[in-house]
Amino acid sequence: MAPSSKPRPFPSREAILEFIQDSPGPVSRREIARAFKLDADQRPELRQLLKEFAEDGVIDKGRGKTVNTQGGLPAVAVLEVTGTDGDGDVLARPLNWAEDGDPPKIYMKAEKRGRRGGRSADRGAALGPGDRVLARLSRRSPSVYEGQVIRRIGSGPSSVLGLVAIVRGEVRVRPVDKRARHDLFVVPEESIKADPGDLVRAEVLRGKRLGLQRARIVERLEGGTKSLSLIALHEHDIPVEFPDAAIAQAEAAGPATLDGRTDLRDIPLVTIDGADARDFDDAVWAEADDDPKNPGGWHLLVAIADVSWYVRPNDALDKEASTRGNSVYFPDRVVPMLPEALSNGWCSLNPKEDRGCLAAHLWIDARGKLLRHTFVRGLMRSAARLTYHQAQNAHDGVLDDTTGPLAETVIAPLFGAYKALSLGRDDRGVLELDLPERRITMGEDGQVAKIAVAPRYDSHRLIEEFMIAANVAAAETLTRKKAPCMFRVHGEPAVDKLESLREVLDGLGLKLARGQAVRPAQFNGILAKVADTPEAPLVNEMILRTQAQAEYSPENIGHFGLALKRYCHFTSPIRRYSDLIVHRALIQTLGLGDGGLGKEPPDLEKLGEHISATERRAAAAERDAVDRLTAQFLAGQEGSVFNGRIAGVNRAGLFVRLEDTGADGLVPARSLPRDTYMHDENRQALRGRRTKREYRLGDQVEVMLAEATPITGGLILHLMEGGGAPAKRRGPKRNRKR
């Protein structure tokens, strides 16, 4: 009898894990699905389960889309030395690490010096960046290994990004990586005549001079100490220049016409953005719903720039936008996904100018529940460009020349609809973390003028809720039509992270229930209990750390943080490629004209992985740029004392976040009061073996700034003890020694 093609009930976790364990090698999701006869509707559940297994440390991801049972790193592996940590310990990483996220940290054991097999010189030389070794690995914790060299296998030229400096008449390269503790020495004939302060790329060479690794400068790059954000761009390989073909295509663009579009120009849509915004890709409008069956309900209109009209699949602009994945924002510059002729021009919903758009009509009830929706391709004209501050002032009764004529007819209905949407948000139980955002303000001289907590208005939340509603409508439309969709997915927290959170909460007398599926509302209940207490920052930080990373995928698993079953990004196609894909899918599915996905749509799974990676790359570059600019702002304040809170703990020391600037600095373990400190990973603490003194995540501390290095963004702090005298005496002495 032929086997039945009817899908079986979804198998248990144990059955799937046993199948993976019994397989002779890595297996793919497709193989697992075939073995258990899972249909298309069950495959997202399989994907989520495998993701949970990986996050729990039960399985490893293999090459491609395969998985295998968890074994950590192999017992013997080829490693590449990356540098040293703050204590001078040599760090390495697996040579061919191809997984998502960072590899486990590997500390190299010191090699025994002396003559062995006639190779004393090779064994005696200390390991340096770029050295490759075959090493035996032993696990010290889930994320830390110790490596012992079996033999050296040569060094591939290791590329280092750094700034040129002249020290005692010699050319040096100072790496921009804060983990690198030493300069590189460059002989004059290998310096390509780079000037002090130039940003360069250098290759690390074998051999040393005066204890410094030798290097050869191979490329001089734009930037330097005057353009710290450019260091982050080059460090993360973010493309800056557009190809000539893409620029030519953008500059040849013209206005969208009314042909085939719905005329929305009589509706007073407005844009609400930050004061420094230059591209406006969303406009909003609202009115009370006149349907007697929907008392207290609202009709919303969210209009989004029609980027798909100008950027077609596989043209020059599309290829470059796909490569970039997103725009990247720094305090002093923007690296856009699209050329300025589009991003600030024809695709920007500038006031009083006709612009093509893709618009969502949304009808919600009095508690913000989405009742129905429809999409149109339209031509709009923004009635005004408002800032968040302007919109909030108008709502509070403080009007100006722009907001005065709009106060009753436009702004009041917008806030009325927002009130309903906020009730819906409360009903869903959205995760509500209190994480203040700090903003860097640049002066006219290009230097940091101010770092302060960014204000948070209801006008910010209004735009967020309107955008979420439109994103949900887009996801529901494509799901109902069984059309391709690039979902924005956010899985549940991993089990091991929840256990770490429970340990911290137990120490505070708080409980997170076991044995049931966790929901955002449970986290909110805990946050409410600690609100306005000294423990609030710690609990917010720890709950944030339990969260999975949101990503893009054609397989929907829902959005945990927003408590939504279906969600995608539709509202920012100027700066996110994911949104452009959703626009194309809606246009093709709803028959809204040209610019759809086309006859051969892209591989959405592969594309989702790519744009998730570019998003992480952009976030890392933005964070590094902020770190460098903050260090530049603090440079010259060495010796000053600041209040802070411990934001991270590891064997190297304590990471302290300063209250005034939000800057993170390292208090090296060696600078703590004399003792042997043990790292308790579960409790997120360093504990002195002799004194029992303990430093825990979230503790308030007073620190002295010992060193600020704008090149790397690194801050070295010293803990103030006994009124500050011991730390202050110890700090400058160690600083001079370094």
Foldseek 3Di string as FASTA:
>chain_A
DDDDLDQDPDDDLVVLLVVQAPDPDWDALVVSCVVRNPDPVCSLVVVQSVVLCVQQQQWDQDPDRTIHGHDADDQKAKWFWAAAAPVRFTWIDGPDDDDPDDAFIETEDQFDADDDPNPRVQNVDDDHGQWMFIWGWDDDDNRYIYTYGPGTDGGDFDKFKFFWDADPNFIWGDGLAPRHDDIAGEDPVQAVPDDGFWIFIWTFDPDDDPPHTHIGTDGTDPDGPLCLLVSLCVVLVQDFDADPQQVVLLVPDDADDQVLFDAPAVAQWEFEAAPPDQFTFKTKFKDADPPPVFPQKIKIKIWGFQVLVRDFPPGSLLVQLLQLQFKFDAQVDIRWSGDCSQRNHQRGQDAQDKHWTKMKIFIAHNQGHTDDIDITTHIYHHNYYHYLVQLQCLVVPNHDPSCVVVSPRTSVRLVSSLVNLVSNLVVLLFQDFDDFDWHFHADPVSATDFIAGDDDGVSVVSVVSVQFRVQQNLQVVCVVLVFFAWFWAWHAFHPVLVLLLQVQQVVVVHHDDPDDRDASNSLVVVLVVCPPHLCNVLSSLSVVVRTDDIFIASSFPAYRNSSGRTGFGQHCVRTGVNNLLSSQRCCVSVVSDDSHCDPDHDPRHVSRVSSRVSVVSSVVSNVQSLLLSVLVVCPVVAFDKFKWFFAADDQQATWTQGDGRRHTAGAGPVQPPDARWDQDPSQRWTAGPPPRDIHHGSDIFMWGFQDRDSSNSYTYIHTADPNRVVRSVPRPVVSVVD
